[in-house]
Amino acid sequence: MDFTWYALKEPVADAIGLSRPLLHVLLGAVAYVVIAWTLRRVRHGLFYAWASVFALEVINEAADAYDWIRWTGHINTTDAFQDIFLTMLVPTIATLAMLGYRFRLRTGR
């Protein structure tokens, strides 16, 4: 059996019953919340949480790219950028919202 990153991910997506795009949104949000909660007392913890999710997604897309190159000879850039966008959607909105909230608390506005 030839191991691929897709061979590991597809059964998980099927078992959960979500489409791949929704799975990216869900896993990005869950990873962000877990990492942000872990770093809640660290200065700039929200940024570190956002950057950690981004790093994990880039690693995921690199593994996907490796599989795509083996299968087709090229990278599926459209799917890669869509996956990055969907994974980072909730972490980006949450980080901006929390930074805005903290700014309002600090300035009294």
Protein backbone atom coordinates (compact mmCIF):
# COMPACT_ATOMS: atom_id res chain seq x y z
CA MET A 1 0.00 0.00 0.00
CA ASP A 2 1.34 3.40 -1.00
CA PHE A 3 1.01 5.90 1.87
CA THR A 4 -0.12 9.39 1.03
CA TRP A 5 -1.24 12.29 3.18
CA TYR A 6 -4.61 12.15 1.39
CA ALA A 7 -4.97 8.47 2.31
CA LEU A 8 -4.81 9.53 5.96
CA LYS A 9 -7.12 12.56 5.70
CA GLU A 10 -9.94 11.28 3.48
CA PRO A 11 -11.24 8.57 5.88
CA VAL A 12 -11.32 11.17 8.68
CA ALA A 13 -13.36 13.55 6.53
CA ASP A 14 -15.72 10.73 5.56
CA ALA A 15 -16.11 9.55 9.17
CA ILE A 16 -16.95 13.05 10.41
CA GLY A 17 -19.35 13.59 7.54
CA LEU A 18 -18.22 17.09 6.60
CA SER A 19 -17.04 18.34 3.25
CA ARG A 20 -13.33 19.09 2.96
CA PRO A 21 -13.86 22.87 2.90
CA LEU A 22 -16.00 22.75 6.06
CA LEU A 23 -13.45 20.48 7.69
CA HIS A 24 -10.77 23.11 7.06
CA VAL A 25 -12.91 25.81 8.69
CA LEU A 26 -13.71 23.58 11.68
CA LEU A 27 -10.18 22.33 12.28
CA GLY A 28 -8.71 25.82 11.87
CA ALA A 29 -11.16 27.18 14.44
CA VAL A 30 -10.61 24.33 16.91
CA ALA A 31 -6.82 24.53 16.61
CA TYR A 32 -6.92 28.29 17.11
CA VAL A 33 -9.13 28.10 20.20
CA VAL A 34 -7.02 25.37 21.79
CA ILE A 35 -3.72 27.15 21.10
CA ALA A 36 -5.08 30.59 22.09
CA TRP A 37 -6.46 29.16 25.33
CA THR A 38 -3.11 27.50 26.06
CA LEU A 39 -1.32 30.81 25.44
CA ARG A 40 -3.93 33.01 27.13
CA ARG A 41 -1.45 34.36 29.69
CA VAL A 42 1.35 34.91 27.19
CA ARG A 43 1.93 38.38 25.82
CA HIS A 44 0.91 38.37 22.13
CA GLY A 45 -0.65 34.92 22.63
CA LEU A 46 -3.33 35.62 20.02
CA PHE A 47 -0.70 36.33 17.40
CA TYR A 48 1.22 33.17 18.34
CA ALA A 49 -1.99 31.15 18.13
CA TRP A 50 -2.78 32.63 14.69
CA ALA A 51 0.78 32.00 13.49
CA SER A 52 0.70 28.43 14.82
CA VAL A 53 -2.48 27.61 12.91
CA PHE A 54 -0.97 29.18 9.80
CA ALA A 55 2.21 27.11 10.19
CA LEU A 56 0.19 23.90 10.65
CA GLU A 57 -1.84 24.71 7.54
CA VAL A 58 1.28 25.41 5.48
CA ILE A 59 2.69 22.04 6.57
CA ASN A 60 -0.62 20.40 5.60
CA GLU A 61 -0.57 22.07 2.19
CA ALA A 62 3.08 21.10 1.65
CA ALA A 63 2.13 17.47 2.27
CA ASP A 64 -0.83 17.85 -0.11
CA ALA A 65 1.46 19.42 -2.72
CA TYR A 66 3.87 16.50 -2.43
CA ASP A 67 1.02 14.06 -3.10
CA TRP A 68 -0.31 16.13 -6.01
CA ILE A 69 3.14 16.29 -7.61
CA ARG A 70 3.47 12.51 -7.33
CA TRP A 71 0.03 11.98 -8.87
CA THR A 72 -0.18 14.65 -11.55
CA GLY A 73 3.23 16.28 -11.86
CA HIS A 74 2.01 19.67 -10.64
CA ILE A 75 0.59 21.36 -7.54
CA ASN A 76 -3.14 22.03 -7.28
CA THR A 77 -2.67 25.70 -6.35
CA THR A 78 -6.37 26.58 -6.50
CA ASP A 79 -7.24 24.03 -3.83
CA ALA A 80 -4.16 24.94 -1.79
CA PHE A 81 -5.05 28.64 -1.62
CA GLN A 82 -8.70 27.85 -0.94
CA ASP A 83 -7.71 25.53 1.91
CA ILE A 84 -5.41 28.17 3.42
CA PHE A 85 -8.14 30.82 3.16
CA LEU A 86 -10.78 28.60 4.75
CA THR A 87 -8.51 27.38 7.53
CA MET A 88 -7.41 30.90 8.44
CA LEU A 89 -10.86 32.51 8.18
CA VAL A 90 -12.02 31.99 11.77
CA PRO A 91 -8.60 32.54 13.38
CA THR A 92 -8.18 35.83 11.50
CA ILE A 93 -11.64 37.12 12.38
CA ALA A 94 -11.26 36.04 16.01
CA THR A 95 -7.81 37.64 16.34
CA LEU A 96 -8.99 40.94 14.85
CA ALA A 97 -12.11 40.92 17.02
CA MET A 98 -10.14 40.27 20.20
CA LEU A 99 -7.55 42.92 19.34
CA GLY A 100 -10.37 45.40 18.73
CA TYR A 101 -12.00 44.42 22.02
CA ARG A 102 -8.73 44.85 23.92
CA PHE A 103 -8.17 48.23 22.27
CA ARG A 104 -11.63 49.37 23.32
CA LEU A 105 -11.01 48.22 26.90
CA ARG A 106 -7.66 49.98 27.02
CA THR A 107 -8.86 53.28 25.54
CA GLY A 108 -12.31 53.32 27.11
CA ARG A 109 -14.08 53.80 23.76
